[in-house]
N, C-alpha and C. Protein backbone atom coordinates (compact mmCIF):
# COMPACT_ATOMS: atom_id res chain seq x y z
N MET A 1 51.27 51.76 -49.12
CA MET A 1 51.01 50.51 -48.42
C MET A 1 49.82 49.81 -49.08
N THR A 2 49.97 48.51 -49.31
CA THR A 2 48.91 47.74 -49.92
C THR A 2 48.15 46.99 -48.84
N CYS A 3 46.86 47.12 -48.87
CA CYS A 3 46.00 46.41 -47.92
C CYS A 3 45.45 45.19 -48.65
N LEU A 4 45.89 43.99 -48.26
CA LEU A 4 45.43 42.77 -48.92
C LEU A 4 44.09 42.34 -48.36
N TRP A 5 43.17 42.08 -49.24
CA TRP A 5 41.86 41.56 -48.85
C TRP A 5 41.66 40.26 -49.59
N ARG A 6 41.48 39.21 -48.89
CA ARG A 6 41.11 37.94 -49.51
C ARG A 6 39.60 37.95 -49.60
N LEU A 7 39.11 38.33 -50.75
CA LEU A 7 37.68 38.44 -50.95
C LEU A 7 37.06 37.11 -51.38
N ALA A 8 37.87 36.08 -51.40
CA ALA A 8 37.40 34.81 -51.93
C ALA A 8 36.12 34.33 -51.26
N ALA A 9 36.02 34.44 -49.97
CA ALA A 9 34.84 33.93 -49.27
C ALA A 9 33.58 34.70 -49.65
N ALA A 10 33.70 36.01 -49.75
CA ALA A 10 32.52 36.83 -49.99
C ALA A 10 32.22 37.02 -51.47
N VAL A 11 33.26 37.07 -52.29
CA VAL A 11 33.04 37.44 -53.67
C VAL A 11 33.77 36.51 -54.63
N THR A 12 34.13 35.34 -54.18
CA THR A 12 34.94 34.44 -54.98
C THR A 12 34.42 34.30 -56.39
N ALA A 13 33.14 34.36 -56.56
CA ALA A 13 32.62 34.09 -57.88
C ALA A 13 31.35 34.86 -58.19
N LEU A 14 31.40 36.12 -58.03
CA LEU A 14 30.23 36.91 -58.37
C LEU A 14 30.19 37.05 -59.88
N LEU A 15 29.33 36.27 -60.48
CA LEU A 15 29.21 36.25 -61.93
C LEU A 15 28.07 37.14 -62.37
N PRO A 16 28.00 37.44 -63.66
CA PRO A 16 26.87 38.23 -64.13
C PRO A 16 25.57 37.58 -63.66
N GLY A 17 24.66 38.38 -63.21
CA GLY A 17 23.42 37.87 -62.66
C GLY A 17 23.46 37.80 -61.15
N GLY A 18 24.63 38.07 -60.55
CA GLY A 18 24.73 38.15 -59.11
C GLY A 18 24.70 36.82 -58.39
N ILE A 19 25.08 35.74 -59.07
CA ILE A 19 25.03 34.42 -58.45
C ILE A 19 26.44 34.02 -58.05
N LEU A 20 26.58 33.50 -56.82
CA LEU A 20 27.88 33.02 -56.38
C LEU A 20 28.07 31.58 -56.84
N HIS A 21 29.24 31.30 -57.41
CA HIS A 21 29.57 29.98 -57.91
C HIS A 21 30.97 29.61 -57.42
N ALA A 22 31.29 28.33 -57.50
CA ALA A 22 32.69 27.94 -57.35
C ALA A 22 33.36 28.55 -58.57
N TRP A 23 34.34 29.40 -58.40
CA TRP A 23 34.80 30.30 -59.43
C TRP A 23 35.71 29.66 -60.45
N GLU A 24 35.13 29.22 -61.51
CA GLU A 24 35.89 28.83 -62.69
C GLU A 24 34.95 28.97 -63.86
N VAL A 25 35.28 29.85 -64.79
CA VAL A 25 34.41 30.14 -65.92
C VAL A 25 35.26 30.15 -67.19
N THR A 26 34.61 30.42 -68.29
CA THR A 26 35.29 30.53 -69.58
C THR A 26 35.27 31.98 -70.02
N LEU A 27 36.41 32.45 -70.45
CA LEU A 27 36.54 33.82 -70.95
C LEU A 27 35.99 33.94 -72.36
N PRO A 28 35.74 35.15 -72.84
CA PRO A 28 35.26 35.33 -74.21
C PRO A 28 36.15 34.66 -75.27
N SER A 29 37.45 34.58 -75.01
CA SER A 29 38.37 33.93 -75.95
C SER A 29 38.22 32.42 -75.97
N GLY A 30 37.53 31.88 -74.97
CA GLY A 30 37.40 30.43 -74.84
C GLY A 30 38.35 29.84 -73.81
N ALA A 31 39.28 30.65 -73.33
CA ALA A 31 40.23 30.18 -72.31
C ALA A 31 39.52 30.03 -70.96
N GLY A 32 39.93 29.04 -70.21
CA GLY A 32 39.40 28.86 -68.86
C GLY A 32 40.12 29.79 -67.89
N VAL A 33 39.39 30.25 -66.87
CA VAL A 33 39.98 31.18 -65.89
C VAL A 33 39.52 30.76 -64.51
N ALA A 34 40.41 30.90 -63.53
CA ALA A 34 40.06 30.64 -62.14
C ALA A 34 40.49 31.85 -61.31
N PHE A 35 39.63 32.29 -60.43
CA PHE A 35 39.93 33.40 -59.53
C PHE A 35 41.09 33.00 -58.62
N HIS A 36 42.05 33.90 -58.43
CA HIS A 36 43.17 33.62 -57.52
C HIS A 36 43.04 34.44 -56.23
N ASP A 37 43.04 35.77 -56.37
CA ASP A 37 42.88 36.60 -55.19
C ASP A 37 42.52 38.03 -55.59
N ALA A 38 42.17 38.79 -54.58
CA ALA A 38 41.80 40.19 -54.78
C ALA A 38 42.43 41.00 -53.66
N MET A 39 42.78 42.23 -53.98
CA MET A 39 43.32 43.11 -52.96
C MET A 39 42.99 44.55 -53.31
N TRP A 40 42.87 45.34 -52.30
CA TRP A 40 42.65 46.77 -52.48
C TRP A 40 43.97 47.45 -52.21
N GLU A 41 44.40 48.25 -53.16
CA GLU A 41 45.63 49.01 -53.00
C GLU A 41 45.26 50.37 -52.45
N GLU A 42 45.46 50.50 -51.17
CA GLU A 42 45.06 51.71 -50.45
C GLU A 42 45.68 52.98 -51.04
N ASP A 43 46.97 52.90 -51.40
CA ASP A 43 47.66 54.09 -51.92
C ASP A 43 47.08 54.59 -53.23
N SER A 44 46.72 53.66 -54.11
CA SER A 44 46.24 54.06 -55.43
C SER A 44 44.72 54.07 -55.52
N GLY A 45 44.04 53.51 -54.55
CA GLY A 45 42.59 53.42 -54.61
C GLY A 45 42.11 52.44 -55.65
N ALA A 46 42.94 51.43 -55.95
CA ALA A 46 42.62 50.47 -56.99
C ALA A 46 42.27 49.11 -56.41
N LEU A 47 41.35 48.43 -57.06
CA LEU A 47 41.03 47.05 -56.76
C LEU A 47 41.87 46.21 -57.71
N ARG A 48 42.68 45.32 -57.16
CA ARG A 48 43.51 44.43 -57.97
C ARG A 48 42.90 43.03 -57.90
N LEU A 49 42.61 42.48 -59.08
CA LEU A 49 42.08 41.12 -59.19
C LEU A 49 43.07 40.28 -59.97
N ARG A 50 43.39 39.10 -59.42
CA ARG A 50 44.37 38.22 -60.07
C ARG A 50 43.72 36.88 -60.38
N TYR A 51 43.99 36.40 -61.59
CA TYR A 51 43.37 35.18 -62.09
C TYR A 51 44.43 34.24 -62.66
N ILE A 52 44.12 32.94 -62.58
CA ILE A 52 44.95 31.92 -63.21
C ILE A 52 44.29 31.56 -64.54
N VAL A 53 45.07 31.70 -65.61
CA VAL A 53 44.61 31.36 -66.96
C VAL A 53 45.71 30.53 -67.60
N ASP A 54 45.51 29.22 -67.66
CA ASP A 54 46.55 28.34 -68.20
C ASP A 54 46.97 28.75 -69.60
N ALA A 55 46.03 29.25 -70.40
CA ALA A 55 46.33 29.63 -71.79
C ALA A 55 47.35 30.76 -71.88
N VAL A 56 47.56 31.50 -70.81
CA VAL A 56 48.52 32.61 -70.83
C VAL A 56 49.91 32.11 -71.22
N ALA A 57 50.25 30.89 -70.85
CA ALA A 57 51.57 30.33 -71.18
C ALA A 57 51.66 29.87 -72.64
N ASP A 58 50.53 29.83 -73.34
CA ASP A 58 50.50 29.39 -74.73
C ASP A 58 50.79 30.57 -75.64
N PRO A 59 51.87 30.51 -76.41
CA PRO A 59 52.21 31.63 -77.30
C PRO A 59 51.08 31.99 -78.28
N ALA A 60 50.26 31.02 -78.67
CA ALA A 60 49.15 31.30 -79.58
C ALA A 60 48.13 32.22 -78.92
N TYR A 61 47.87 32.03 -77.62
CA TYR A 61 46.95 32.91 -76.89
C TYR A 61 47.57 34.30 -76.74
N ALA A 62 48.82 34.34 -76.34
CA ALA A 62 49.51 35.62 -76.12
C ALA A 62 49.59 36.44 -77.40
N ALA A 63 49.67 35.78 -78.54
CA ALA A 63 49.78 36.48 -79.81
C ALA A 63 48.48 37.17 -80.21
N GLN A 64 47.39 36.78 -79.60
CA GLN A 64 46.08 37.37 -79.91
C GLN A 64 45.82 38.51 -78.94
N ASP A 65 46.57 39.59 -79.08
CA ASP A 65 46.50 40.67 -78.08
C ASP A 65 45.11 41.26 -77.94
N GLN A 66 44.33 41.32 -79.00
CA GLN A 66 42.96 41.85 -78.89
C GLN A 66 42.08 40.89 -78.07
N ALA A 67 42.29 39.60 -78.23
CA ALA A 67 41.52 38.61 -77.47
C ALA A 67 41.92 38.65 -75.99
N VAL A 68 43.21 38.79 -75.72
CA VAL A 68 43.68 38.88 -74.34
C VAL A 68 43.09 40.14 -73.69
N PHE A 69 43.14 41.26 -74.40
CA PHE A 69 42.57 42.49 -73.86
C PHE A 69 41.06 42.33 -73.62
N ALA A 70 40.36 41.73 -74.57
CA ALA A 70 38.91 41.52 -74.42
C ALA A 70 38.60 40.65 -73.20
N ASP A 71 39.44 39.64 -72.94
CA ASP A 71 39.26 38.81 -71.75
C ASP A 71 39.42 39.65 -70.48
N MET A 72 40.43 40.51 -70.46
CA MET A 72 40.69 41.33 -69.28
C MET A 72 39.58 42.37 -69.09
N GLU A 73 39.13 42.95 -70.17
CA GLU A 73 38.03 43.91 -70.09
C GLU A 73 36.75 43.23 -69.59
N TRP A 74 36.50 42.01 -70.07
CA TRP A 74 35.34 41.25 -69.62
C TRP A 74 35.42 40.97 -68.13
N LEU A 75 36.59 40.60 -67.64
CA LEU A 75 36.77 40.36 -66.21
C LEU A 75 36.51 41.63 -65.41
N CYS A 76 36.96 42.75 -65.91
CA CYS A 76 36.71 44.02 -65.22
C CYS A 76 35.22 44.32 -65.17
N GLU A 77 34.56 44.23 -66.32
CA GLU A 77 33.13 44.55 -66.40
C GLU A 77 32.26 43.55 -65.63
N SER A 78 32.55 42.26 -65.77
CA SER A 78 31.66 41.25 -65.21
C SER A 78 32.01 40.83 -63.79
N GLN A 79 33.24 41.09 -63.36
CA GLN A 79 33.66 40.66 -62.04
C GLN A 79 33.97 41.84 -61.12
N ALA A 80 34.82 42.74 -61.57
CA ALA A 80 35.23 43.85 -60.70
C ALA A 80 34.07 44.80 -60.40
N LEU A 81 33.34 45.20 -61.42
CA LEU A 81 32.24 46.15 -61.19
C LEU A 81 31.21 45.61 -60.21
N PRO A 82 30.77 44.34 -60.35
CA PRO A 82 29.84 43.82 -59.33
C PRO A 82 30.46 43.77 -57.93
N MET A 83 31.74 43.45 -57.83
CA MET A 83 32.41 43.44 -56.52
C MET A 83 32.38 44.82 -55.89
N ILE A 84 32.64 45.82 -56.70
CA ILE A 84 32.65 47.20 -56.19
C ILE A 84 31.24 47.59 -55.74
N ARG A 85 30.23 47.25 -56.54
CA ARG A 85 28.85 47.59 -56.17
C ARG A 85 28.41 46.86 -54.90
N VAL A 86 28.69 45.57 -54.82
CA VAL A 86 28.27 44.77 -53.67
C VAL A 86 28.94 45.25 -52.39
N ASN A 87 30.21 45.57 -52.47
CA ASN A 87 30.95 45.97 -51.28
C ASN A 87 30.85 47.46 -51.00
N GLY A 88 30.29 48.22 -51.92
CA GLY A 88 30.13 49.65 -51.71
C GLY A 88 31.44 50.40 -51.54
N ASN A 89 32.48 49.89 -52.17
CA ASN A 89 33.78 50.53 -52.04
C ASN A 89 33.97 51.63 -53.07
N PRO A 90 34.74 52.63 -52.73
CA PRO A 90 34.91 53.77 -53.63
C PRO A 90 36.06 53.61 -54.62
N TRP A 91 36.37 52.40 -55.03
CA TRP A 91 37.48 52.21 -55.96
C TRP A 91 37.18 52.89 -57.28
N ASP A 92 38.17 53.55 -57.83
CA ASP A 92 37.99 54.19 -59.13
C ASP A 92 38.91 53.60 -60.19
N ALA A 93 39.64 52.55 -59.81
CA ALA A 93 40.53 51.88 -60.75
C ALA A 93 40.52 50.39 -60.46
N VAL A 94 40.75 49.62 -61.51
CA VAL A 94 40.84 48.17 -61.40
C VAL A 94 42.09 47.73 -62.14
N LEU A 95 42.84 46.87 -61.51
CA LEU A 95 44.03 46.27 -62.12
C LEU A 95 43.76 44.78 -62.26
N ILE A 96 43.85 44.28 -63.48
CA ILE A 96 43.59 42.87 -63.75
C ILE A 96 44.92 42.19 -64.08
N THR A 97 45.15 41.05 -63.46
CA THR A 97 46.34 40.24 -63.75
C THR A 97 45.88 38.86 -64.19
N LEU A 98 46.43 38.40 -65.31
CA LEU A 98 46.27 37.03 -65.76
C LEU A 98 47.63 36.38 -65.63
N MET A 99 47.69 35.23 -64.96
CA MET A 99 48.98 34.55 -64.80
C MET A 99 48.83 33.07 -65.10
N ALA A 100 49.91 32.48 -65.59
CA ALA A 100 49.90 31.08 -66.00
C ALA A 100 49.80 30.13 -64.81
N GLU A 101 50.29 30.56 -63.66
CA GLU A 101 50.21 29.74 -62.46
C GLU A 101 50.20 30.64 -61.24
N PRO A 102 49.73 30.13 -60.11
CA PRO A 102 49.63 30.97 -58.91
C PRO A 102 50.98 31.46 -58.44
N LEU A 103 51.03 32.74 -58.10
CA LEU A 103 52.23 33.35 -57.53
C LEU A 103 51.82 34.23 -56.36
N PRO A 104 52.60 34.23 -55.30
CA PRO A 104 52.33 35.20 -54.24
C PRO A 104 52.50 36.62 -54.80
N PHE A 105 51.67 37.53 -54.35
CA PHE A 105 51.73 38.90 -54.86
C PHE A 105 53.12 39.48 -54.62
N GLY A 106 53.67 40.10 -55.64
CA GLY A 106 54.97 40.75 -55.56
C GLY A 106 56.15 39.85 -55.82
N GLU A 107 55.91 38.55 -55.93
CA GLU A 107 57.01 37.62 -56.18
C GLU A 107 57.42 37.70 -57.64
N ILE A 108 58.72 37.74 -57.87
CA ILE A 108 59.26 37.77 -59.23
C ILE A 108 59.53 36.35 -59.67
N ALA A 109 58.97 35.99 -60.80
CA ALA A 109 59.14 34.65 -61.37
C ALA A 109 59.24 34.79 -62.88
N PRO A 110 60.45 34.99 -63.40
CA PRO A 110 60.62 35.23 -64.84
C PRO A 110 60.08 34.11 -65.72
N ASP A 111 59.94 32.90 -65.18
CA ASP A 111 59.46 31.78 -65.98
C ASP A 111 57.94 31.66 -66.00
N VAL A 112 57.25 32.51 -65.25
CA VAL A 112 55.78 32.48 -65.22
C VAL A 112 55.24 33.67 -66.01
N VAL A 113 54.50 33.38 -67.08
CA VAL A 113 53.95 34.43 -67.93
C VAL A 113 52.79 35.11 -67.20
N GLN A 114 52.80 36.45 -67.24
CA GLN A 114 51.74 37.25 -66.63
C GLN A 114 51.38 38.40 -67.56
N PHE A 115 50.09 38.77 -67.57
CA PHE A 115 49.62 39.95 -68.27
C PHE A 115 48.96 40.86 -67.26
N PHE A 116 49.14 42.16 -67.42
CA PHE A 116 48.57 43.16 -66.53
C PHE A 116 47.84 44.20 -67.36
N GLU A 117 46.73 44.68 -66.86
CA GLU A 117 46.01 45.78 -67.52
C GLU A 117 45.32 46.61 -66.46
N ALA A 118 45.25 47.90 -66.71
CA ALA A 118 44.62 48.84 -65.78
C ALA A 118 43.39 49.46 -66.44
N PHE A 119 42.35 49.66 -65.63
CA PHE A 119 41.11 50.27 -66.09
C PHE A 119 40.68 51.32 -65.09
N GLN A 120 40.13 52.41 -65.58
CA GLN A 120 39.47 53.40 -64.75
C GLN A 120 37.98 53.10 -64.77
N ILE A 121 37.31 53.34 -63.66
CA ILE A 121 35.86 53.17 -63.61
C ILE A 121 35.23 54.52 -63.93
N VAL A 122 34.53 54.57 -65.05
CA VAL A 122 33.88 55.80 -65.51
C VAL A 122 32.44 55.46 -65.88
N ASP A 123 31.49 56.14 -65.23
CA ASP A 123 30.07 55.88 -65.49
C ASP A 123 29.73 54.40 -65.42
N ASN A 124 30.27 53.74 -64.41
CA ASN A 124 30.01 52.32 -64.16
C ASN A 124 30.47 51.42 -65.31
N HIS A 125 31.55 51.81 -65.97
CA HIS A 125 32.16 50.99 -67.02
C HIS A 125 33.66 50.99 -66.84
N CYS A 126 34.30 49.94 -67.33
CA CYS A 126 35.75 49.83 -67.29
C CYS A 126 36.33 50.45 -68.55
N ILE A 127 37.12 51.49 -68.37
CA ILE A 127 37.76 52.19 -69.48
C ILE A 127 39.27 51.96 -69.37
N TRP A 128 39.87 51.46 -70.43
CA TRP A 128 41.30 51.18 -70.42
C TRP A 128 42.08 52.40 -69.98
N ASP A 129 43.06 52.18 -69.14
CA ASP A 129 43.89 53.25 -68.59
C ASP A 129 45.34 52.98 -68.94
N GLU A 130 45.90 53.82 -69.77
CA GLU A 130 47.31 53.68 -70.15
C GLU A 130 48.15 54.15 -68.97
N TYR A 131 48.60 53.21 -68.16
CA TYR A 131 49.37 53.56 -66.97
C TYR A 131 50.82 53.70 -67.22
């Protein structure tokens, strides 16, 4: 069972430095990103964070797999870890989703490009997890 938490009000934009902002920033690749939603997956003990990244639909962005991964790792390190610390939750995994446009969780939309990556939290760092 998935327990959905709309963390937008409390953690919508916890950026490095601990400052809350209207959440729209630039990723290391230069792509713009906007926070969509967050949920805790009770069964897996994972924090799932979903973001809208218009560049995801651009084949040139998708072809840069190292840049896409670096963006997702940056989101885990700079966004998920502070959320976990602030909320004091015992999550040991983070799932990051980048999507070209907003989708309700679990909805299948073959025409909407999405990327998913999983990370384990080890020594307060995001370590890629081959799921």
